[in-house]
């Protein structure tokens, strides 16, 4: 009786391991197909990027831009008087705080008394 029980357990273990092996096989096939689809999608994206770059290179050709600039921008030719050296450029102006200047002109730039925390009185007020 014990031998039959061991045989039945061995057959059940064998069937279980065979089922597990088949599930791993089909799962690996599924992931391999998924991987091949992703590789194909990546290749399509790379091709689309290459086509976009080629299209960009076509549109930014200097001869094409020159023709479009002549056609639409009405540019004037460069004159020698327009070219200057960096040291001939004026110094950058200091940044002016227009709002601060207006507040000072109105006399509102002085610090204010703020109420103390927890009381309804001013921090500088005396009782």
N, C-alpha and C. Protein backbone atom coordinates (compact mmCIF):
# COMPACT_ATOMS: atom_id res chain seq x y z
N UNK A 1 0.81 -1.19 0.00
CA UNK A 1 0.00 0.00 0.00
C UNK A 1 0.86 1.26 0.00
N UNK A 2 1.92 1.26 0.77
CA UNK A 2 2.81 2.41 0.84
C UNK A 2 3.52 2.63 -0.48
N UNK A 3 3.87 1.55 -1.17
CA UNK A 3 4.55 1.65 -2.46
C UNK A 3 3.61 2.27 -3.48
N UNK A 4 2.35 1.88 -3.47
CA UNK A 4 1.38 2.45 -4.42
C UNK A 4 1.20 3.95 -4.16
N UNK A 5 1.15 4.33 -2.90
CA UNK A 5 1.01 5.74 -2.54
C UNK A 5 2.22 6.53 -3.03
N UNK A 6 3.40 5.98 -2.87
CA UNK A 6 4.62 6.65 -3.36
C UNK A 6 4.60 6.75 -4.88
N UNK A 7 4.11 5.71 -5.56
CA UNK A 7 4.02 5.75 -7.03
C UNK A 7 3.04 6.84 -7.48
N UNK A 8 1.92 6.91 -6.81
CA UNK A 8 0.91 7.93 -7.15
C UNK A 8 1.49 9.32 -6.91
N UNK A 9 2.18 9.53 -5.81
CA UNK A 9 2.81 10.82 -5.52
C UNK A 9 3.87 11.15 -6.56
N UNK A 10 4.63 10.13 -6.97
CA UNK A 10 5.66 10.36 -7.99
C UNK A 10 5.03 10.76 -9.32
N UNK A 11 3.94 10.09 -9.70
CA UNK A 11 3.25 10.42 -10.96
C UNK A 11 2.66 11.84 -10.88
N UNK A 12 2.07 12.17 -9.75
CA UNK A 12 1.50 13.52 -9.57
C UNK A 12 2.62 14.56 -9.63
N UNK A 13 3.76 14.29 -8.99
CA UNK A 13 4.89 15.22 -9.03
C UNK A 13 5.42 15.35 -10.45
N UNK A 14 5.48 14.25 -11.18
CA UNK A 14 5.94 14.27 -12.57
C UNK A 14 4.99 15.08 -13.44
N UNK A 15 3.70 14.88 -13.28
CA UNK A 15 2.71 15.66 -14.05
C UNK A 15 2.78 17.14 -13.69
N UNK A 16 2.95 17.43 -12.42
CA UNK A 16 3.07 18.83 -11.98
C UNK A 16 4.30 19.49 -12.55
N UNK A 17 5.43 18.79 -12.53
CA UNK A 17 6.66 19.38 -13.07
C UNK A 17 6.57 19.53 -14.59
N UNK A 18 5.91 18.58 -15.26
CA UNK A 18 5.72 18.69 -16.71
C UNK A 18 4.84 19.89 -17.04
N UNK A 19 3.76 20.06 -16.28
CA UNK A 19 2.88 21.23 -16.48
C UNK A 19 3.63 22.53 -16.24
N UNK A 20 4.45 22.57 -15.20
CA UNK A 20 5.24 23.76 -14.90
C UNK A 20 6.24 24.04 -16.01
N UNK A 21 6.89 23.00 -16.53
CA UNK A 21 7.85 23.17 -17.63
C UNK A 21 7.16 23.71 -18.88
N UNK A 22 5.98 23.20 -19.20
CA UNK A 22 5.24 23.70 -20.36
C UNK A 22 4.81 25.15 -20.16
N UNK A 23 4.40 25.49 -18.93
CA UNK A 23 3.99 26.88 -18.68
C UNK A 23 5.19 27.83 -18.84
N UNK A 24 6.35 27.40 -18.38
CA UNK A 24 7.56 28.22 -18.56
C UNK A 24 7.91 28.33 -20.04
N UNK A 25 7.75 27.22 -20.79
CA UNK A 25 8.04 27.24 -22.22
C UNK A 25 7.14 28.24 -22.94
N UNK A 26 5.85 28.18 -22.69
CA UNK A 26 4.92 29.07 -23.39
C UNK A 26 5.09 30.52 -22.93
N UNK A 27 5.42 30.71 -21.68
CA UNK A 27 5.69 32.06 -21.19
C UNK A 27 6.93 32.64 -21.85
N UNK A 28 7.97 31.82 -22.01
CA UNK A 28 9.18 32.31 -22.68
C UNK A 28 8.92 32.59 -24.16
N UNK A 29 8.08 31.78 -24.80
CA UNK A 29 7.70 32.05 -26.19
C UNK A 29 6.93 33.37 -26.28
N UNK A 30 6.02 33.59 -25.33
CA UNK A 30 5.25 34.84 -25.31
C UNK A 30 6.18 36.04 -25.18
N UNK A 31 7.14 35.98 -24.25
CA UNK A 31 8.06 37.11 -24.05
C UNK A 31 9.01 37.28 -25.23
N UNK A 32 9.39 36.18 -25.88
CA UNK A 32 10.24 36.29 -27.07
C UNK A 32 9.49 36.99 -28.21
N UNK A 33 8.22 36.66 -28.38
CA UNK A 33 7.41 37.33 -29.40
C UNK A 33 7.22 38.81 -29.05
N UNK A 34 6.99 39.06 -27.78
CA UNK A 34 6.84 40.45 -27.34
C UNK A 34 8.13 41.23 -27.59
N UNK A 35 9.27 40.61 -27.33
CA UNK A 35 10.56 41.24 -27.56
C UNK A 35 10.79 41.52 -29.04
N UNK A 36 10.43 40.57 -29.89
CA UNK A 36 10.61 40.78 -31.33
C UNK A 36 9.69 41.89 -31.83
N UNK A 37 8.48 42.00 -31.29
CA UNK A 37 7.59 43.09 -31.66
C UNK A 37 8.16 44.43 -31.21
N UNK A 38 8.72 44.48 -30.01
CA UNK A 38 9.33 45.72 -29.53
C UNK A 38 10.54 46.12 -30.38
N UNK A 39 11.34 45.12 -30.78
CA UNK A 39 12.48 45.42 -31.64
C UNK A 39 12.02 45.98 -32.98
N UNK A 40 10.96 45.41 -33.53
CA UNK A 40 10.42 45.91 -34.80
C UNK A 40 9.87 47.32 -34.63
N UNK A 41 9.23 47.59 -33.50
CA UNK A 41 8.70 48.93 -33.23
C UNK A 41 9.84 49.93 -33.07
N UNK A 42 10.89 49.52 -32.39
CA UNK A 42 12.07 50.40 -32.24
C UNK A 42 12.67 50.70 -33.59
N UNK A 43 12.76 49.71 -34.45
CA UNK A 43 13.33 49.93 -35.79
C UNK A 43 12.45 50.89 -36.59
N UNK A 44 11.11 50.74 -36.48
CA UNK A 44 10.21 51.67 -37.17
C UNK A 44 10.40 53.09 -36.66
N UNK A 45 10.57 53.25 -35.34
CA UNK A 45 10.79 54.58 -34.76
C UNK A 45 12.13 55.16 -35.23
N UNK A 46 13.16 54.33 -35.29
CA UNK A 46 14.45 54.80 -35.78
C UNK A 46 14.34 55.24 -37.24
N UNK A 47 13.60 54.48 -38.04
CA UNK A 47 13.40 54.86 -39.45
C UNK A 47 12.64 56.17 -39.55
N UNK A 48 11.62 56.35 -38.70
CA UNK A 48 10.85 57.60 -38.71
C UNK A 48 11.73 58.78 -38.29
N UNK A 49 12.60 58.56 -37.31
CA UNK A 49 13.51 59.63 -36.88
C UNK A 49 14.48 59.96 -38.00
N UNK A 50 15.00 58.95 -38.68
CA UNK A 50 15.92 59.19 -39.79
C UNK A 50 15.22 59.95 -40.92
N UNK A 51 13.97 59.59 -41.20
CA UNK A 51 13.22 60.31 -42.24
C UNK A 51 12.96 61.76 -41.82
N UNK A 52 12.67 61.97 -40.55
CA UNK A 52 12.45 63.34 -40.07
C UNK A 52 13.73 64.16 -40.15
N UNK A 53 14.85 63.54 -39.81
CA UNK A 53 16.14 64.26 -39.91
C UNK A 53 16.45 64.59 -41.36
N UNK A 54 16.19 63.66 -42.26
CA UNK A 54 16.44 63.93 -43.69
C UNK A 54 15.53 65.05 -44.18
N UNK A 55 14.27 65.04 -43.74
CA UNK A 55 13.35 66.11 -44.13
C UNK A 55 13.82 67.44 -43.57
N UNK A 56 14.30 67.44 -42.33
CA UNK A 56 14.82 68.67 -41.72
C UNK A 56 16.03 69.18 -42.50
N UNK A 57 16.93 68.28 -42.85
CA UNK A 57 18.11 68.69 -43.62
C UNK A 57 17.70 69.26 -44.98
N UNK A 58 16.65 68.73 -45.56
CA UNK A 58 16.17 69.26 -46.84
C UNK A 58 15.64 70.68 -46.66
N UNK A 59 14.89 70.90 -45.59
CA UNK A 59 14.26 72.21 -45.40
C UNK A 59 15.22 73.29 -44.92
N UNK A 60 16.33 72.94 -44.30
CA UNK A 60 17.24 73.96 -43.79
C UNK A 60 18.49 74.13 -44.66
N UNK A 61 18.39 73.72 -45.91
CA UNK A 61 19.52 73.94 -46.83
C UNK A 61 19.74 75.44 -46.98
N UNK A 62 20.99 75.90 -46.91
CA UNK A 62 21.26 77.34 -47.02
C UNK A 62 20.76 77.95 -48.32
N UNK A 63 20.89 77.24 -49.46
CA UNK A 63 20.41 77.81 -50.72
C UNK A 63 18.89 77.98 -50.71
N UNK A 64 18.16 77.05 -50.10
CA UNK A 64 16.71 77.16 -50.02
C UNK A 64 16.31 78.31 -49.10
N UNK A 65 16.99 78.44 -47.97
CA UNK A 65 16.68 79.53 -47.03
C UNK A 65 17.00 80.88 -47.67
N UNK A 66 18.07 80.97 -48.45
CA UNK A 66 18.41 82.23 -49.11
C UNK A 66 17.32 82.63 -50.10
N UNK A 67 16.81 81.68 -50.85
CA UNK A 67 15.73 81.97 -51.80
C UNK A 67 14.49 82.43 -51.06
N UNK A 68 14.12 81.76 -49.97
CA UNK A 68 12.95 82.15 -49.20
C UNK A 68 13.13 83.51 -48.53
N UNK A 69 14.34 83.79 -48.05
CA UNK A 69 14.60 85.09 -47.43
C UNK A 69 14.47 86.20 -48.47
N UNK A 70 15.02 85.98 -49.66
CA UNK A 70 14.88 86.98 -50.72
C UNK A 70 13.42 87.18 -51.11
N UNK A 71 12.67 86.10 -51.10
CA UNK A 71 11.28 86.16 -51.54
C UNK A 71 10.37 86.82 -50.51
N UNK A 72 10.56 86.55 -49.22
CA UNK A 72 9.60 86.98 -48.22
C UNK A 72 10.09 88.06 -47.26
N UNK A 73 11.38 88.21 -47.03
CA UNK A 73 11.85 89.08 -45.96
C UNK A 73 12.23 90.48 -46.41
N UNK A 74 12.46 90.71 -47.68
CA UNK A 74 12.85 92.02 -48.18
C UNK A 74 14.04 92.57 -47.40
N UNK A 75 15.09 91.78 -47.31
CA UNK A 75 16.30 92.18 -46.58
C UNK A 75 17.15 93.11 -47.41
N UNK A 76 17.84 93.99 -46.73
CA UNK A 76 18.78 94.88 -47.40
C UNK A 76 20.17 94.31 -47.23
N UNK A 77 21.06 94.67 -48.14
CA UNK A 77 22.42 94.14 -48.04
C UNK A 77 23.15 94.81 -46.88
N UNK A 78 24.11 94.11 -46.33
CA UNK A 78 24.88 94.58 -45.19
C UNK A 78 25.83 95.68 -45.62
N UNK A 79 25.89 96.74 -44.84
CA UNK A 79 26.80 97.85 -45.12
C UNK A 79 27.96 97.79 -44.13
N UNK A 80 29.10 98.29 -44.52
CA UNK A 80 30.29 98.24 -43.69
C UNK A 80 30.11 99.04 -42.41
N UNK A 81 29.24 100.07 -42.43
CA UNK A 81 29.01 100.90 -41.25
C UNK A 81 28.26 100.13 -40.16
N UNK A 82 27.62 99.04 -40.52
CA UNK A 82 26.85 98.26 -39.55
C UNK A 82 27.72 97.33 -38.72
N UNK A 83 28.95 97.14 -39.13
CA UNK A 83 29.84 96.23 -38.43
C UNK A 83 30.65 97.02 -37.40
N UNK A 84 30.60 96.61 -36.15
CA UNK A 84 31.35 97.29 -35.08
C UNK A 84 32.13 96.26 -34.27
N UNK A 85 33.08 96.75 -33.53
CA UNK A 85 33.84 95.89 -32.63
C UNK A 85 33.12 95.82 -31.29
N UNK A 86 33.42 94.82 -30.52
CA UNK A 86 32.76 94.62 -29.23
C UNK A 86 33.07 95.78 -28.30
N UNK A 87 34.29 96.29 -28.33
CA UNK A 87 34.65 97.37 -27.41
C UNK A 87 33.94 98.68 -27.76
N UNK A 88 33.40 98.79 -28.98
CA UNK A 88 32.67 99.99 -29.38
C UNK A 88 31.22 99.98 -28.93
N UNK A 89 30.74 98.85 -28.45
CA UNK A 89 29.36 98.75 -27.98
C UNK A 89 29.19 99.49 -26.66
N UNK A 90 28.06 100.14 -26.42
CA UNK A 90 27.86 100.84 -25.14
C UNK A 90 27.72 99.84 -24.00
N UNK A 91 28.03 100.32 -22.79
CA UNK A 91 27.90 99.47 -21.60
C UNK A 91 26.43 99.19 -21.33
N UNK A 92 26.16 98.06 -20.78
CA UNK A 92 24.78 97.69 -20.43
C UNK A 92 24.32 98.56 -19.27
N UNK A 93 23.10 99.04 -19.36
CA UNK A 93 22.54 99.90 -18.32
C UNK A 93 22.22 99.07 -17.08
N UNK A 94 22.34 99.71 -15.92
CA UNK A 94 22.02 99.03 -14.67
C UNK A 94 20.51 98.80 -14.61
N UNK A 95 20.12 97.70 -14.01
CA UNK A 95 18.69 97.41 -13.88
C UNK A 95 18.08 98.34 -12.84
N UNK A 96 16.94 98.91 -13.19
CA UNK A 96 16.26 99.85 -12.32
C UNK A 96 14.99 99.19 -11.79
N UNK A 97 14.79 99.30 -10.49
CA UNK A 97 13.57 98.79 -9.86
C UNK A 97 12.53 99.89 -9.89
N UNK A 98 11.69 99.90 -10.93
CA UNK A 98 10.71 100.97 -11.12
C UNK A 98 9.68 100.99 -10.00
N UNK A 99 9.24 99.84 -9.55
CA UNK A 99 8.24 99.77 -8.48
C UNK A 99 8.83 100.29 -7.17
N UNK A 100 10.07 99.88 -6.88
CA UNK A 100 10.73 100.37 -5.67
C UNK A 100 10.93 101.87 -5.71
N UNK A 101 11.29 102.42 -6.87
CA UNK A 101 11.47 103.87 -6.99
C UNK A 101 10.14 104.59 -6.76
N UNK A 102 9.05 104.07 -7.26
CA UNK A 102 7.74 104.69 -7.04
C UNK A 102 7.33 104.63 -5.57
N UNK A 103 7.62 103.49 -4.91
CA UNK A 103 7.30 103.38 -3.48
C UNK A 103 8.12 104.37 -2.66
N UNK A 104 9.39 104.56 -3.00
CA UNK A 104 10.22 105.53 -2.30
C UNK A 104 9.70 106.94 -2.53
N UNK A 105 9.27 107.23 -3.76
CA UNK A 105 8.75 108.57 -4.06
C UNK A 105 7.47 108.84 -3.27
N UNK A 106 6.68 107.83 -3.00
CA UNK A 106 5.45 107.99 -2.23
C UNK A 106 5.69 107.94 -0.73
N UNK A 107 6.93 107.62 -0.33
CA UNK A 107 7.26 107.53 1.09
C UNK A 107 6.81 106.23 1.72
N UNK A 108 6.63 105.20 0.92
CA UNK A 108 6.14 103.91 1.43
C UNK A 108 7.25 102.88 1.58
N UNK A 109 8.48 103.30 1.53
CA UNK A 109 9.57 102.32 1.58
C UNK A 109 10.03 102.04 3.00
N UNK A 110 9.52 102.79 3.99
CA UNK A 110 9.91 102.57 5.38
C UNK A 110 9.31 101.27 5.89
N UNK A 111 9.97 100.59 6.83
CA UNK A 111 9.42 99.35 7.38
C UNK A 111 8.12 99.62 8.13
N UNK A 112 7.25 98.65 8.14
CA UNK A 112 5.95 98.78 8.80
C UNK A 112 5.92 97.98 10.08
N UNK A 113 5.00 98.34 10.95
CA UNK A 113 4.81 97.60 12.19
C UNK A 113 3.87 96.44 11.90
N UNK A 114 4.29 95.24 12.20
CA UNK A 114 3.44 94.08 12.01
C UNK A 114 2.93 93.61 13.36
N UNK A 115 1.72 93.10 13.41
CA UNK A 115 1.18 92.63 14.69
C UNK A 115 1.95 91.43 15.21
N UNK A 116 2.06 91.34 16.51
CA UNK A 116 2.73 90.21 17.14
C UNK A 116 1.85 88.97 17.00
N UNK A 117 2.48 87.82 16.98
CA UNK A 117 1.74 86.56 16.83
C UNK A 117 0.87 86.32 18.06
N UNK A 118 -0.40 86.01 17.83
CA UNK A 118 -1.30 85.64 18.91
C UNK A 118 -1.99 86.82 19.58
N UNK A 119 -1.55 88.02 19.30
CA UNK A 119 -2.22 89.18 19.89
C UNK A 119 -2.73 90.06 18.79
N UNK A 120 -3.68 90.86 19.09
CA UNK A 120 -4.23 91.77 18.10
C UNK A 120 -3.53 93.12 18.14
N UNK A 121 -2.42 93.21 18.87
CA UNK A 121 -1.72 94.49 19.03
C UNK A 121 -0.47 94.54 18.16
N UNK A 122 0.02 95.70 17.97
CA UNK A 122 1.23 95.92 17.21
C UNK A 122 2.42 95.47 18.03
N UNK A 123 3.48 95.02 17.36
CA UNK A 123 4.67 94.54 18.07
C UNK A 123 5.39 95.69 18.77
N UNK A 124 5.26 96.91 18.26
CA UNK A 124 5.96 98.04 18.87
C UNK A 124 5.06 98.83 19.82
N UNK A 125 3.78 98.50 19.83
CA UNK A 125 2.85 99.24 20.70
C UNK A 125 3.06 98.84 22.14
N UNK A 126 2.89 99.80 23.04
CA UNK A 126 3.03 99.52 24.47
C UNK A 126 1.66 99.53 25.11
N UNK A 127 1.44 98.72 26.16
CA UNK A 127 0.11 98.68 26.80
C UNK A 127 -0.17 99.89 27.63
